[in-house]
Amino acid sequence: VVGGYRLQDPTDNSGSDGRAFWRSTDPASGNYDVIYESFEV
């Protein structure tokens, strides 16, 4: 999936500060890793 992330604020759902491409080899576990992301050179 293409995912986004942002600074933690429990009442703010205003988009994202960066993005990453995520992969989960065991989706039922809820674990995932990052393949590449915003601000990577």
PDB file of all heavy atoms in Angstrom:
ATOM      1  N   VAL A   1       0.850  -1.188   0.000  1.00  0.00           N
ATOM      2  CA  VAL A   1       0.000   0.000   0.000  1.00  0.00           C
ATOM      3  C   VAL A   1       0.888   1.241   0.000  1.00  0.00           C
ATOM      4  O   VAL A   1       2.040   1.195   0.458  1.00  0.00           O
ATOM      5  CB  VAL A   1      -0.937  -0.001   1.239  1.00  0.00           C
ATOM      6  CG1 VAL A   1      -0.219   0.471   2.500  1.00  0.00           C
ATOM      7  CG2 VAL A   1      -2.189   0.822   0.989  1.00  0.00           C
ATOM      8  N   VAL A   2       0.357   2.350  -0.516  1.00  0.00           N
ATOM      9  CA  VAL A   2       0.993   3.660  -0.351  1.00  0.00           C
ATOM     10  C   VAL A   2       0.400   4.284   0.909  1.00  0.00           C
ATOM     11  O   VAL A   2      -0.822   4.455   0.992  1.00  0.00           O
ATOM     12  CB  VAL A   2       0.767   4.567  -1.564  1.00  0.00           C
ATOM     13  CG1 VAL A   2       1.339   5.961  -1.308  1.00  0.00           C
ATOM     14  CG2 VAL A   2       1.407   3.955  -2.808  1.00  0.00           C
ATOM     15  N   GLY A   3       1.250   4.592   1.889  1.00  0.00           N
ATOM     16  CA  GLY A   3       0.768   5.136   3.153  1.00  0.00           C
ATOM     17  C   GLY A   3       1.340   6.502   3.450  1.00  0.00           C
ATOM     18  O   GLY A   3       2.356   6.911   2.890  1.00  0.00           O
ATOM     19  N   GLY A   4       0.665   7.220   4.340  1.00  0.00           N
ATOM     20  CA  GLY A   4       1.136   8.524   4.776  1.00  0.00           C
ATOM     21  C   GLY A   4       1.373   8.547   6.271  1.00  0.00           C
ATOM     22  O   GLY A   4       0.858   7.706   7.015  1.00  0.00           O
ATOM     23  N   TYR A   5       2.163   9.522   6.727  1.00  0.00           N
ATOM     24  CA  TYR A   5       2.405   9.694   8.161  1.00  0.00           C
ATOM     25  C   TYR A   5       2.462  11.182   8.480  1.00  0.00           C
ATOM     26  O   TYR A   5       2.703  12.025   7.608  1.00  0.00           O
ATOM     27  CB  TYR A   5       3.706   8.993   8.580  1.00  0.00           C
ATOM     28  CG  TYR A   5       4.929   9.389   7.785  1.00  0.00           C
ATOM     29  CD1 TYR A   5       5.680  10.519   8.130  1.00  0.00           C
ATOM     30  CD2 TYR A   5       5.332   8.647   6.682  1.00  0.00           C
ATOM     31  CE1 TYR A   5       6.802  10.888   7.400  1.00  0.00           C
ATOM     32  CE2 TYR A   5       6.461   9.009   5.949  1.00  0.00           C
ATOM     33  CZ  TYR A   5       7.182  10.129   6.302  1.00  0.00           C
ATOM     34  OH  TYR A   5       8.281  10.497   5.571  1.00  0.00           O
ATOM     35  N   ARG A   6       2.209  11.523   9.757  1.00  0.00           N
ATOM     36  CA  ARG A   6       2.223  12.928  10.192  1.00  0.00           C
ATOM     37  C   ARG A   6       2.488  12.990  11.685  1.00  0.00           C
ATOM     38  O   ARG A   6       2.468  11.968  12.383  1.00  0.00           O
ATOM     39  CB  ARG A   6       0.877  13.586   9.864  1.00  0.00           C
ATOM     40  CG  ARG A   6      -0.319  12.952  10.564  1.00  0.00           C
ATOM     41  CD  ARG A   6      -1.585  13.784  10.364  1.00  0.00           C
ATOM     42  NE  ARG A   6      -2.729  13.175  11.016  1.00  0.00           N
ATOM     43  CZ  ARG A   6      -3.622  12.395  10.385  1.00  0.00           C
ATOM     44  NH1 ARG A   6      -3.490  12.143   9.099  1.00  0.00           N
ATOM     45  NH2 ARG A   6      -4.632  11.875  11.054  1.00  0.00           N
ATOM     46  N   LEU A   7       2.723  14.212  12.185  1.00  0.00           N
ATOM     47  CA  LEU A   7       2.947  14.402  13.612  1.00  0.00           C
ATOM     48  C   LEU A   7       1.734  13.941  14.411  1.00  0.00           C
ATOM     49  O   LEU A   7       0.583  14.113  13.997  1.00  0.00           O
ATOM     50  CB  LEU A   7       3.245  15.872  13.916  1.00  0.00           C
ATOM     51  CG  LEU A   7       4.657  16.354  13.590  1.00  0.00           C
ATOM     52  CD1 LEU A   7       4.753  17.869  13.790  1.00  0.00           C
ATOM     53  CD2 LEU A   7       5.690  15.641  14.476  1.00  0.00           C
ATOM     54  N   GLN A   8       2.002  13.396  15.572  1.00  0.00           N
ATOM     55  CA  GLN A   8       0.949  12.827  16.398  1.00  0.00           C
ATOM     56  C   GLN A   8       0.057  13.916  16.984  1.00  0.00           C
ATOM     57  O   GLN A   8       0.513  14.846  17.649  1.00  0.00           O
ATOM     58  CB  GLN A   8       1.572  12.010  17.534  1.00  0.00           C
ATOM     59  CG  GLN A   8       0.592  11.176  18.316  1.00  0.00           C
ATOM     60  CD  GLN A   8       1.318  10.192  19.222  1.00  0.00           C
ATOM     61  OE1 GLN A   8       2.513  10.297  19.430  1.00  0.00           O
ATOM     62  NE2 GLN A   8       0.583   9.228  19.746  1.00  0.00           N
ATOM     63  N   ASP A   9      -1.241  13.823  16.710  1.00  0.00           N
ATOM     64  CA  ASP A   9      -2.253  14.721  17.260  1.00  0.00           C
ATOM     65  C   ASP A   9      -3.585  13.976  17.206  1.00  0.00           C
ATOM     66  O   ASP A   9      -4.128  13.743  16.127  1.00  0.00           O
ATOM     67  CB  ASP A   9      -2.340  16.014  16.454  1.00  0.00           C
ATOM     68  CG  ASP A   9      -3.346  17.007  17.035  1.00  0.00           C
ATOM     69  OD1 ASP A   9      -4.233  16.581  17.815  1.00  0.00           O
ATOM     70  OD2 ASP A   9      -3.256  18.201  16.709  1.00  0.00           O
ATOM     71  N   PRO A  10      -4.145  13.558  18.356  1.00  0.00           N
ATOM     72  CA  PRO A  10      -5.327  12.682  18.359  1.00  0.00           C
ATOM     73  C   PRO A  10      -6.580  13.323  17.792  1.00  0.00           C
ATOM     74  O   PRO A  10      -7.564  12.631  17.531  1.00  0.00           O
ATOM     75  CB  PRO A  10      -5.505  12.349  19.849  1.00  0.00           C
ATOM     76  CG  PRO A  10      -4.832  13.458  20.576  1.00  0.00           C
ATOM     77  CD  PRO A  10      -3.675  13.865  19.719  1.00  0.00           C
ATOM     78  N   THR A  11      -6.596  14.640  17.576  1.00  0.00           N
ATOM     79  CA  THR A  11      -7.802  15.289  17.043  1.00  0.00           C
ATOM     80  C   THR A  11      -7.607  15.818  15.625  1.00  0.00           C
ATOM     81  O   THR A  11      -8.511  16.412  15.060  1.00  0.00           O
ATOM     82  CB  THR A  11      -8.221  16.455  17.947  1.00  0.00           C
ATOM     83  OG1 THR A  11      -7.177  17.452  17.948  1.00  0.00           O
ATOM     84  CG2 THR A  11      -8.473  15.987  19.357  1.00  0.00           C
ATOM     85  N   ASP A  12      -6.428  15.588  15.045  1.00  0.00           N
ATOM     86  CA  ASP A  12      -6.118  16.157  13.737  1.00  0.00           C
ATOM     87  C   ASP A  12      -6.044  15.049  12.694  1.00  0.00           C
ATOM     88  O   ASP A  12      -5.242  14.130  12.811  1.00  0.00           O
ATOM     89  CB  ASP A  12      -4.789  16.908  13.791  1.00  0.00           C
ATOM     90  CG  ASP A  12      -4.397  17.500  12.450  1.00  0.00           C
ATOM     91  OD1 ASP A  12      -5.279  17.628  11.584  1.00  0.00           O
ATOM     92  OD2 ASP A  12      -3.212  17.818  12.271  1.00  0.00           O
ATOM     93  N   ASN A  13      -6.899  15.122  11.684  1.00  0.00           N
ATOM     94  CA  ASN A  13      -6.820  14.160  10.590  1.00  0.00           C
ATOM     95  C   ASN A  13      -6.607  14.894   9.267  1.00  0.00           C
ATOM     96  O   ASN A  13      -7.262  14.631   8.264  1.00  0.00           O
ATOM     97  CB  ASN A  13      -8.073  13.271  10.528  1.00  0.00           C
ATOM     98  CG  ASN A  13      -9.331  14.058  10.205  1.00  0.00           C
ATOM     99  OD1 ASN A  13      -9.402  15.244  10.466  1.00  0.00           O
ATOM    100  ND2 ASN A  13     -10.322  13.384   9.633  1.00  0.00           N
ATOM    101  N   SER A  14      -5.675  15.831   9.273  1.00  0.00           N
ATOM    102  CA  SER A  14      -5.473  16.720   8.133  1.00  0.00           C
ATOM    103  C   SER A  14      -4.321  16.274   7.239  1.00  0.00           C
ATOM    104  O   SER A  14      -3.320  16.969   7.096  1.00  0.00           O
ATOM    105  CB  SER A  14      -5.233  18.150   8.622  1.00  0.00           C
ATOM    106  OG  SER A  14      -4.133  18.192   9.514  1.00  0.00           O
ATOM    107  N   GLY A  15      -4.424  15.090   6.672  1.00  0.00           N
ATOM    108  CA  GLY A  15      -3.464  14.671   5.664  1.00  0.00           C
ATOM    109  C   GLY A  15      -2.200  14.085   6.242  1.00  0.00           C
ATOM    110  O   GLY A  15      -2.213  13.413   7.274  1.00  0.00           O
ATOM    111  N   SER A  16      -1.067  14.341   5.564  1.00  0.00           N
ATOM    112  CA  SER A  16       0.185  13.709   5.962  1.00  0.00           C
ATOM    113  C   SER A  16       1.359  14.638   5.696  1.00  0.00           C
ATOM    114  O   SER A  16       1.281  15.556   4.884  1.00  0.00           O
ATOM    115  CB  SER A  16       0.379  12.396   5.192  1.00  0.00           C
ATOM    116  OG  SER A  16       0.445  12.647   3.808  1.00  0.00           O
ATOM    117  N   ASP A  17       2.448  14.412   6.413  1.00  0.00           N
ATOM    118  CA  ASP A  17       3.686  15.165   6.222  1.00  0.00           C
ATOM    119  C   ASP A  17       4.643  14.453   5.279  1.00  0.00           C
ATOM    120  O   ASP A  17       5.588  15.055   4.770  1.00  0.00           O
ATOM    121  CB  ASP A  17       4.384  15.381   7.570  1.00  0.00           C
ATOM    122  CG  ASP A  17       3.539  16.202   8.531  1.00  0.00           C
ATOM    123  OD1 ASP A  17       2.860  17.130   8.063  1.00  0.00           O
ATOM    124  OD2 ASP A  17       3.543  15.906   9.733  1.00  0.00           O
ATOM    125  N   GLY A  18       4.442  13.169   5.078  1.00  0.00           N
ATOM    126  CA  GLY A  18       5.269  12.381   4.181  1.00  0.00           C
ATOM    127  C   GLY A  18       4.547  11.110   3.802  1.00  0.00           C
ATOM    128  O   GLY A  18       3.496  10.776   4.353  1.00  0.00           O
ATOM    129  N   ARG A  19       5.131  10.396   2.832  1.00  0.00           N
ATOM    130  CA  ARG A  19       4.545   9.147   2.367  1.00  0.00           C
ATOM    131  C   ARG A  19       5.600   8.054   2.359  1.00  0.00           C
ATOM    132  O   ARG A  19       6.801   8.327   2.360  1.00  0.00           O
ATOM    133  CB  ARG A  19       4.008   9.287   0.938  1.00  0.00           C
ATOM    134  CG  ARG A  19       2.806  10.184   0.759  1.00  0.00           C
ATOM    135  CD  ARG A  19       2.398  10.182  -0.708  1.00  0.00           C
ATOM    136  NE  ARG A  19       1.245  11.038  -0.983  1.00  0.00           N
ATOM    137  CZ  ARG A  19       0.713  11.187  -2.190  1.00  0.00           C
ATOM    138  NH1 ARG A  19       1.233  10.540  -3.230  1.00  0.00           N
ATOM    139  NH2 ARG A  19      -0.326  11.974  -2.360  1.00  0.00           N
ATOM    140  N   ALA A  20       5.129   6.804   2.311  1.00  0.00           N
ATOM    141  CA  ALA A  20       6.028   5.665   2.181  1.00  0.00           C
ATOM    142  C   ALA A  20       5.310   4.549   1.446  1.00  0.00           C
ATOM    143  O   ALA A  20       4.071   4.467   1.468  1.00  0.00           O
ATOM    144  CB  ALA A  20       6.494   5.179   3.550  1.00  0.00           C
ATOM    145  N   PHE A  21       6.089   3.703   0.808  1.00  0.00           N
ATOM    146  CA  PHE A  21       5.523   2.492   0.205  1.00  0.00           C
ATOM    147  C   PHE A  21       5.732   1.360   1.196  1.00  0.00           C
ATOM    148  O   PHE A  21       6.854   1.031   1.552  1.00  0.00           O
ATOM    149  CB  PHE A  21       6.212   2.173  -1.124  1.00  0.00           C
ATOM    150  CG  PHE A  21       5.553   1.056  -1.874  1.00  0.00           C
ATOM    151  CD1 PHE A  21       4.476   1.298  -2.706  1.00  0.00           C
ATOM    152  CD2 PHE A  21       5.995  -0.253  -1.727  1.00  0.00           C
ATOM    153  CE1 PHE A  21       3.845   0.268  -3.387  1.00  0.00           C
ATOM    154  CE2 PHE A  21       5.375  -1.293  -2.397  1.00  0.00           C
ATOM    155  CZ  PHE A  21       4.303  -1.034  -3.235  1.00  0.00           C
ATOM    156  N   TRP A  22       4.610   0.770   1.663  1.00  0.00           N
ATOM    157  CA  TRP A  22       4.651  -0.233   2.713  1.00  0.00           C
ATOM    158  C   TRP A  22       4.412  -1.624   2.152  1.00  0.00           C
ATOM    159  O   TRP A  22       3.634  -1.816   1.205  1.00  0.00           O
ATOM    160  CB  TRP A  22       3.592   0.054   3.778  1.00  0.00           C
ATOM    161  CG  TRP A  22       3.769   1.357   4.489  1.00  0.00           C
ATOM    162  CD1 TRP A  22       4.929   2.065   4.646  1.00  0.00           C
ATOM    163  CD2 TRP A  22       2.744   2.115   5.145  1.00  0.00           C
ATOM    164  NE1 TRP A  22       4.700   3.212   5.372  1.00  0.00           N
ATOM    165  CE2 TRP A  22       3.361   3.277   5.681  1.00  0.00           C
ATOM    166  CE3 TRP A  22       1.381   1.940   5.334  1.00  0.00           C
ATOM    167  CZ2 TRP A  22       2.659   4.245   6.392  1.00  0.00           C
ATOM    168  CZ3 TRP A  22       0.678   2.912   6.051  1.00  0.00           C
ATOM    169  CH2 TRP A  22       1.305   4.043   6.570  1.00  0.00           C
ATOM    170  N   ARG A  23       5.038  -2.605   2.796  1.00  0.00           N
ATOM    171  CA  ARG A  23       4.850  -4.019   2.444  1.00  0.00           C
ATOM    172  C   ARG A  23       4.623  -4.811   3.723  1.00  0.00           C
ATOM    173  O   ARG A  23       5.312  -4.604   4.723  1.00  0.00           O
ATOM    174  CB  ARG A  23       6.105  -4.549   1.741  1.00  0.00           C
ATOM    175  CG  ARG A  23       6.119  -6.061   1.546  1.00  0.00           C
ATOM    176  CD  ARG A  23       7.409  -6.533   0.873  1.00  0.00           C
ATOM    177  NE  ARG A  23       8.595  -6.235   1.678  1.00  0.00           N
ATOM    178  CZ  ARG A  23       9.843  -6.491   1.284  1.00  0.00           C
ATOM    179  NH1 ARG A  23      10.067  -7.015   0.097  1.00  0.00           N
ATOM    180  NH2 ARG A  23      10.860  -6.196   2.070  1.00  0.00           N
ATOM    181  N   SER A  24       3.662  -5.730   3.693  1.00  0.00           N
ATOM    182  CA  SER A  24       3.425  -6.622   4.825  1.00  0.00           C
ATOM    183  C   SER A  24       3.482  -8.063   4.336  1.00  0.00           C
ATOM    184  O   SER A  24       2.591  -8.517   3.614  1.00  0.00           O
ATOM    185  CB  SER A  24       2.066  -6.342   5.479  1.00  0.00           C
ATOM    186  OG  SER A  24       1.846  -7.221   6.569  1.00  0.00           O
ATOM    187  N   THR A  25       4.545  -8.774   4.709  1.00  0.00           N
ATOM    188  CA  THR A  25       4.691 -10.165   4.293  1.00  0.00           C
ATOM    189  C   THR A  25       3.786 -11.100   5.102  1.00  0.00           C
ATOM    190  O   THR A  25       3.528 -12.226   4.675  1.00  0.00           O
ATOM    191  CB  THR A  25       6.150 -10.625   4.433  1.00  0.00           C
ATOM    192  OG1 THR A  25       6.574 -10.416   5.784  1.00  0.00           O
ATOM    193  CG2 THR A  25       7.055  -9.826   3.500  1.00  0.00           C
ATOM    194  N   ASP A  26       3.312 -10.626   6.249  1.00  0.00           N
ATOM    195  CA  ASP A  26       2.383 -11.394   7.091  1.00  0.00           C
ATOM    196  C   ASP A  26       1.273 -10.445   7.535  1.00  0.00           C
ATOM    197  O   ASP A  26       1.262  -9.976   8.678  1.00  0.00           O
ATOM    198  CB  ASP A  26       3.128 -11.984   8.292  1.00  0.00           C
ATOM    199  CG  ASP A  26       2.231 -12.830   9.182  1.00  0.00           C
ATOM    200  OD1 ASP A  26       1.120 -13.196   8.726  1.00  0.00           O
ATOM    201  OD2 ASP A  26       2.625 -13.107  10.325  1.00  0.00           O
ATOM    202  N   PRO A  27       0.340 -10.136   6.640  1.00  0.00           N
ATOM    203  CA  PRO A  27      -0.651  -9.091   6.928  1.00  0.00           C
ATOM    204  C   PRO A  27      -1.489  -9.346   8.173  1.00  0.00           C
ATOM    205  O   PRO A  27      -1.886  -8.399   8.850  1.00  0.00           O
ATOM    206  CB  PRO A  27      -1.522  -9.078   5.668  1.00  0.00           C
ATOM    207  CG  PRO A  27      -0.683  -9.679   4.598  1.00  0.00           C
ATOM    208  CD  PRO A  27       0.171 -10.685   5.278  1.00  0.00           C
ATOM    209  N   ALA A  28      -1.758 -10.589   8.489  1.00  0.00           N
ATOM    210  CA  ALA A  28      -2.587 -10.887   9.664  1.00  0.00           C
ATOM    211  C   ALA A  28      -1.909 -10.466  10.959  1.00  0.00           C
ATOM    212  O   ALA A  28      -2.567 -10.261  11.980  1.00  0.00           O
ATOM    213  CB  ALA A  28      -2.931 -12.374   9.705  1.00  0.00           C
ATOM    214  N   SER A  29      -0.576 -10.292  10.926  1.00  0.00           N
ATOM    215  CA  SER A  29       0.160  -9.902  12.132  1.00  0.00           C
ATOM    216  C   SER A  29       0.093  -8.399  12.384  1.00  0.00           C
ATOM    217  O   SER A  29       0.398  -7.937  13.490  1.00  0.00           O
ATOM    218  CB  SER A  29       1.623 -10.318  12.003  1.00  0.00           C
ATOM    219  OG  SER A  29       2.286  -9.509  11.033  1.00  0.00           O
ATOM    220  N   GLY A  30      -0.249  -7.632  11.363  1.00  0.00           N
ATOM    221  CA  GLY A  30      -0.246  -6.187  11.492  1.00  0.00           C
ATOM    222  C   GLY A  30       1.129  -5.565  11.359  1.00  0.00           C
ATOM    223  O   GLY A  30       1.286  -4.356  11.567  1.00  0.00           O
ATOM    224  N   ASN A  31       2.140  -6.360  11.013  1.00  0.00           N
ATOM    225  CA  ASN A  31       3.494  -5.836  10.845  1.00  0.00           C
ATOM    226  C   ASN A  31       3.747  -5.490   9.382  1.00  0.00           C
ATOM    227  O   ASN A  31       3.279  -6.178   8.478  1.00  0.00           O
ATOM    228  CB  ASN A  31       4.522  -6.862  11.317  1.00  0.00           C
ATOM    229  CG  ASN A  31       4.422  -7.124  12.803  1.00  0.00           C
ATOM    230  OD1 ASN A  31       4.170  -6.207  13.585  1.00  0.00           O
ATOM    231  ND2 ASN A  31       4.598  -8.375  13.202  1.00  0.00           N
ATOM    232  N   TYR A  32       4.526  -4.437   9.153  1.00  0.00           N
ATOM    233  CA  TYR A  32       4.867  -4.049   7.792  1.00  0.00           C
ATOM    234  C   TYR A  32       6.207  -3.332   7.805  1.00  0.00           C
ATOM    235  O   TYR A  32       6.699  -2.906   8.850  1.00  0.00           O
ATOM    236  CB  TYR A  32       3.777  -3.158   7.183  1.00  0.00           C
ATOM    237  CG  TYR A  32       3.434  -1.907   7.952  1.00  0.00           C
ATOM    238  CD1 TYR A  32       3.980  -0.675   7.594  1.00  0.00           C
ATOM    239  CD2 TYR A  32       2.545  -1.939   9.030  1.00  0.00           C
ATOM    240  CE1 TYR A  32       3.659   0.490   8.287  1.00  0.00           C
ATOM    241  CE2 TYR A  32       2.214  -0.792   9.724  1.00  0.00           C
ATOM    242  CZ  TYR A  32       2.771   0.425   9.350  1.00  0.00           C
ATOM    243  OH  TYR A  32       2.465   1.569  10.043  1.00  0.00           O
ATOM    244  N   ASP A  33       6.824  -3.235   6.616  1.00  0.00           N
ATOM    245  CA  ASP A  33       8.096  -2.551   6.501  1.00  0.00           C
ATOM    246  C   ASP A  33       8.009  -1.499   5.401  1.00  0.00           C
ATOM    247  O   ASP A  33       7.013  -1.423   4.678  1.00  0.00           O
ATOM    248  CB  ASP A  33       9.245  -3.531   6.257  1.00  0.00           C
ATOM    249  CG  ASP A  33       9.109  -4.314   4.951  1.00  0.00           C
ATOM    250  OD1 ASP A  33       7.977  -4.496   4.472  1.00  0.00           O
ATOM    251  OD2 ASP A  33      10.129  -4.746   4.406  1.00  0.00           O
ATOM    252  N   VAL A  34       9.047  -0.675   5.298  1.00  0.00           N
ATOM    253  CA  VAL A  34       9.091   0.417   4.331  1.00  0.00           C
ATOM    254  C   VAL A  34      10.034   0.033   3.196  1.00  0.00           C
ATOM    255  O   VAL A  34      11.183  -0.348   3.439  1.00  0.00           O
ATOM    256  CB  VAL A  34       9.571   1.722   4.994  1.00  0.00           C
ATOM    257  CG1 VAL A  34       9.814   2.798   3.951  1.00  0.00           C
ATOM    258  CG2 VAL A  34       8.544   2.203   6.011  1.00  0.00           C
ATOM    259  N   ILE A  35       9.550   0.165   1.967  1.00  0.00           N
ATOM    260  CA  ILE A  35      10.391  -0.102   0.795  1.00  0.00           C
ATOM    261  C   ILE A  35      11.110   1.179   0.361  1.00  0.00           C
ATOM    262  O   ILE A  35      12.308   1.168   0.105  1.00  0.00           O
ATOM    263  CB  ILE A  35       9.555  -0.679  -0.354  1.00  0.00           C
ATOM    264  CG1 ILE A  35       8.877  -1.981   0.074  1.00  0.00           C
ATOM    265  CG2 ILE A  35      10.426  -0.900  -1.592  1.00  0.00           C
ATOM    266  CD1 ILE A  35       9.842  -3.060   0.527  1.00  0.00           C
ATOM    267  N   TYR A  36      10.400   2.295   0.270  1.00  0.00           N
ATOM    268  CA  TYR A  36      11.029   3.600   0.074  1.00  0.00           C
ATOM    269  C   TYR A  36      10.074   4.656   0.580  1.00  0.00           C
ATOM    270  O   TYR A  36       8.885   4.379   0.802  1.00  0.00           O
ATOM    271  CB  TYR A  36      11.450   3.831  -1.386  1.00  0.00           C
ATOM    272  CG  TYR A  36      10.358   4.289  -2.323  1.00  0.00           C
ATOM    273  CD1 TYR A  36      10.246   5.628  -2.688  1.00  0.00           C
ATOM    274  CD2 TYR A  36       9.445   3.388  -2.862  1.00  0.00           C
ATOM    275  CE1 TYR A  36       9.260   6.052  -3.555  1.00  0.00           C
ATOM    276  CE2 TYR A  36       8.464   3.802  -3.735  1.00  0.00           C
ATOM    277  CZ  TYR A  36       8.365   5.137  -4.083  1.00  0.00           C
ATOM    278  OH  TYR A  36       7.387   5.561  -4.938  1.00  0.00           O
ATOM    279  N   GLU A  37      10.571   5.890   0.789  1.00  0.00           N
ATOM    280  CA  GLU A  37       9.734   6.892   1.448  1.00  0.00           C
ATOM    281  C   GLU A  37      10.125   8.308   1.049  1.00  0.00           C
ATOM    282  O   GLU A  37      11.162   8.545   0.416  1.00  0.00           O
ATOM    283  CB  GLU A  37       9.854   6.731   2.959  1.00  0.00           C
ATOM    284  CG  GLU A  37      11.265   6.894   3.494  1.00  0.00           C
ATOM    285  CD  GLU A  37      11.393   6.507   4.955  1.00  0.00           C
ATOM    286  OE1 GLU A  37      10.377   6.515   5.663  1.00  0.00           O
ATOM    287  OE2 GLU A  37      12.515   6.206   5.390  1.00  0.00           O
ATOM    288  N   SER A  38       9.261   9.254   1.424  1.00  0.00           N
ATOM    289  CA  SER A  38       9.551  10.672   1.226  1.00  0.00           C
ATOM    290  C   SER A  38      10.861  11.042   1.903  1.00  0.00           C
ATOM    291  O   SER A  38      11.208  10.495   2.955  1.00  0.00           O
ATOM    292  CB  SER A  38       8.427  11.535   1.808  1.00  0.00           C
ATOM    293  OG  SER A  38       7.215  11.325   1.130  1.00  0.00           O
ATOM    294  N   PHE A  39      11.575  11.958   1.283  1.00  0.00           N
ATOM    295  CA  PHE A  39      12.830  12.528   1.792  1.00  0.00           C
ATOM    296  C   PHE A  39      14.016  11.570   1.689  1.00  0.00           C
ATOM    297  O   PHE A  39      15.116  11.909   2.111  1.00  0.00           O
ATOM    298  CB  PHE A  39      12.662  13.045   3.229  1.00  0.00           C
ATOM    299  CG  PHE A  39      11.400  13.838   3.415  1.00  0.00           C
ATOM    300  CD1 PHE A  39      10.388  13.382   4.244  1.00  0.00           C
ATOM    301  CD2 PHE A  39      11.200  15.029   2.729  1.00  0.00           C
ATOM    302  CE1 PHE A  39       9.211  14.093   4.394  1.00  0.00           C
ATOM    303  CE2 PHE A  39      10.025  15.748   2.877  1.00  0.00           C
ATOM    304  CZ  PHE A  39       9.028  15.287   3.713  1.00  0.00           C
ATOM    305  N   GLU A  40      13.788  10.396   1.103  1.00  0.00           N
ATOM    306  CA  GLU A  40      14.894   9.494   0.816  1.00  0.00           C
ATOM    307  C   GLU A  40      15.661  10.033  -0.397  1.00  0.00           C
ATOM    308  O   GLU A  40      15.058  10.513  -1.364  1.00  0.00           O
ATOM    309  CB  GLU A  40      14.359   8.095   0.522  1.00  0.00           C
ATOM    310  CG  GLU A  40      15.422   7.052   0.231  1.00  0.00           C
ATOM    311  CD  GLU A  40      14.827   5.661   0.036  1.00  0.00           C
ATOM    312  OE1 GLU A  40      13.673   5.428   0.463  1.00  0.00           O
ATOM    313  OE2 GLU A  40      15.525   4.814  -0.544  1.00  0.00           O
ATOM    314  N   VAL A  41      16.990   9.971  -0.337  1.00  0.00           N
ATOM    315  CA  VAL A  41      17.821  10.441  -1.445  1.00  0.00           C
ATOM    316  C   VAL A  41      18.130   9.261  -2.371  1.00  0.00           C
ATOM    317  O   VAL A  41      18.676   8.245  -1.932  1.00  0.00           O
ATOM    318  CB  VAL A  41      19.123  11.075  -0.949  1.00  0.00           C
ATOM    319  CG1 VAL A  41      19.997  11.493  -2.120  1.00  0.00           C
ATOM    320  CG2 VAL A  41      18.805  12.281  -0.061  1.00  0.00           C
TER     321      VAL A  41
END
